């Protein structure tokens, strides 16, 4: 979970650094809250991946995910 949250944090730093280029006008509080929502929003997907990992082996996990999406 920590690695995915770190990855999202790196992506958010890149997005915030590019905000002036795209003429994004957000205040510091808005940018901070957006970053926190995105970083903490990665946690449910990590939990979902861990849950799938308990149900399936490494070779069958991709098929399990695809079958659950197609339903």
C-alpha atoms as a PDB file:
ATOM      1  CA  UNK A   1       0.000   0.000   0.000  1.00  0.00           C
ATOM      2  CA  UNK A   2       2.809   2.345   0.800  1.00  0.00           C
ATOM      3  CA  UNK A   3       4.355   1.997  -2.659  1.00  0.00           C
ATOM      4  CA  UNK A   4       1.094   2.803  -4.434  1.00  0.00           C
ATOM      5  CA  UNK A   5       0.525   5.819  -2.203  1.00  0.00           C
ATOM      6  CA  UNK A   6       4.085   6.954  -2.958  1.00  0.00           C
ATOM      7  CA  UNK A   7       3.455   6.520  -6.695  1.00  0.00           C
ATOM      8  CA  UNK A   8       0.266   8.592  -6.477  1.00  0.00           C
ATOM      9  CA  UNK A   9       2.155  11.248  -4.518  1.00  0.00           C
ATOM     10  CA  UNK A  10       4.795  11.433  -7.265  1.00  0.00           C
ATOM     11  CA  UNK A  11       2.074  11.772  -9.897  1.00  0.00           C
ATOM     12  CA  UNK A  12       0.379  14.516  -7.869  1.00  0.00           C
ATOM     13  CA  UNK A  13       3.652  16.448  -7.529  1.00  0.00           C
ATOM     14  CA  UNK A  14       4.039  16.283 -11.295  1.00  0.00           C
ATOM     15  CA  UNK A  15       0.460  17.449 -11.824  1.00  0.00           C
ATOM     16  CA  UNK A  16       0.811  20.333  -9.377  1.00  0.00           C
ATOM     17  CA  UNK A  17       4.088  21.388 -11.009  1.00  0.00           C
ATOM     18  CA  UNK A  18       2.368  21.399 -14.415  1.00  0.00           C
ATOM     19  CA  UNK A  19      -0.699  23.295 -13.163  1.00  0.00           C
ATOM     20  CA  UNK A  20       0.524  26.749 -14.272  1.00  0.00           C
ATOM     21  CA  UNK A  21       1.142  25.432 -17.786  1.00  0.00           C
ATOM     22  CA  UNK A  22      -2.474  24.318 -18.064  1.00  0.00           C
ATOM     23  CA  UNK A  23      -3.751  27.558 -16.505  1.00  0.00           C
ATOM     24  CA  UNK A  24      -5.203  25.695 -13.525  1.00  0.00           C
ATOM     25  CA  UNK A  25      -6.257  28.138 -10.869  1.00  0.00           C
ATOM     26  CA  UNK A  26      -6.552  26.365  -7.533  1.00  0.00           C
ATOM     27  CA  UNK A  27      -5.628  27.666  -4.133  1.00  0.00           C
ATOM     28  CA  UNK A  28      -3.104  25.986  -1.876  1.00  0.00           C
ATOM     29  CA  UNK A  29      -5.825  24.447   0.285  1.00  0.00           C
ATOM     30  CA  UNK A  30      -7.636  23.092  -2.771  1.00  0.00           C
ATOM     31  CA  UNK A  31      -4.438  21.574  -4.183  1.00  0.00           C
ATOM     32  CA  UNK A  32      -3.594  20.018  -0.826  1.00  0.00           C
ATOM     33  CA  UNK A  33      -7.070  18.536  -0.404  1.00  0.00           C
ATOM     34  CA  UNK A  34      -7.031  17.222  -3.988  1.00  0.00           C
ATOM     35  CA  UNK A  35      -3.672  15.591  -3.339  1.00  0.00           C
ATOM     36  CA  UNK A  36      -4.858  13.979  -0.102  1.00  0.00           C
ATOM     37  CA  UNK A  37      -8.012  12.626  -1.729  1.00  0.00           C
ATOM     38  CA  UNK A  38      -6.001  11.095  -4.565  1.00  0.00           C
ATOM     39  CA  UNK A  39      -3.328   9.633  -2.291  1.00  0.00           C
ATOM     40  CA  UNK A  40      -5.805   8.190   0.197  1.00  0.00           C
ATOM     41  CA  UNK A  41      -8.066   7.076  -2.649  1.00  0.00           C
ATOM     42  CA  UNK A  42      -5.422   4.576  -3.726  1.00  0.00           C
ATOM     43  CA  UNK A  43      -5.926   2.555  -0.542  1.00  0.00           C
ATOM     44  CA  UNK A  44      -9.219   0.830  -1.514  1.00  0.00           C
ATOM     45  CA  UNK A  45      -7.672  -0.361  -4.767  1.00  0.00           C
ATOM     46  CA  UNK A  46      -4.715  -1.778  -2.856  1.00  0.00           C
ATOM     47  CA  UNK A  47      -7.114  -3.601  -0.567  1.00  0.00           C
ATOM     48  CA  UNK A  48      -8.995  -4.948  -3.581  1.00  0.00           C
ATOM     49  CA  UNK A  49      -5.755  -6.249  -5.068  1.00  0.00           C
ATOM     50  CA  UNK A  50      -4.813  -7.917  -1.785  1.00  0.00           C
ATOM     51  CA  UNK A  51      -8.253  -9.530  -1.595  1.00  0.00           C
ATOM     52  CA  UNK A  52      -7.961 -10.902  -5.126  1.00  0.00           C
ATOM     53  CA  UNK A  53      -4.515 -12.179  -4.204  1.00  0.00           C
ATOM     54  CA  UNK A  54      -5.972 -14.231  -1.366  1.00  0.00           C
ATOM     55  CA  UNK A  55      -8.538 -15.841  -3.660  1.00  0.00           C
ATOM     56  CA  UNK A  56      -6.413 -16.650  -6.689  1.00  0.00           C
ATOM     57  CA  UNK A  57      -2.942 -17.757  -7.643  1.00  0.00           C
ATOM     58  CA  UNK A  58      -0.597 -15.510  -9.573  1.00  0.00           C
ATOM     59  CA  UNK A  59      -1.435 -17.079 -12.905  1.00  0.00           C
ATOM     60  CA  UNK A  60      -5.201 -16.955 -12.504  1.00  0.00           C
ATOM     61  CA  UNK A  61      -5.532 -13.478 -10.971  1.00  0.00           C
ATOM     62  CA  UNK A  62      -5.652 -11.549 -14.304  1.00  0.00           C
ATOM     63  CA  UNK A  63      -8.389 -13.829 -15.611  1.00  0.00           C
ATOM     64  CA  UNK A  64     -10.336 -13.418 -12.376  1.00  0.00           C
ATOM     65  CA  UNK A  65     -10.166  -9.643 -12.617  1.00  0.00           C
ATOM     66  CA  UNK A  66     -11.232  -9.621 -16.278  1.00  0.00           C
ATOM     67  CA  UNK A  67     -14.150 -11.979 -15.577  1.00  0.00           C
ATOM     68  CA  UNK A  68     -15.338  -9.826 -12.676  1.00  0.00           C
ATOM     69  CA  UNK A  69     -15.259  -6.694 -14.861  1.00  0.00           C
ATOM     70  CA  UNK A  70     -17.221  -8.348 -17.686  1.00  0.00           C
ATOM     71  CA  UNK A  71     -20.154  -9.261 -15.471  1.00  0.00           C
END
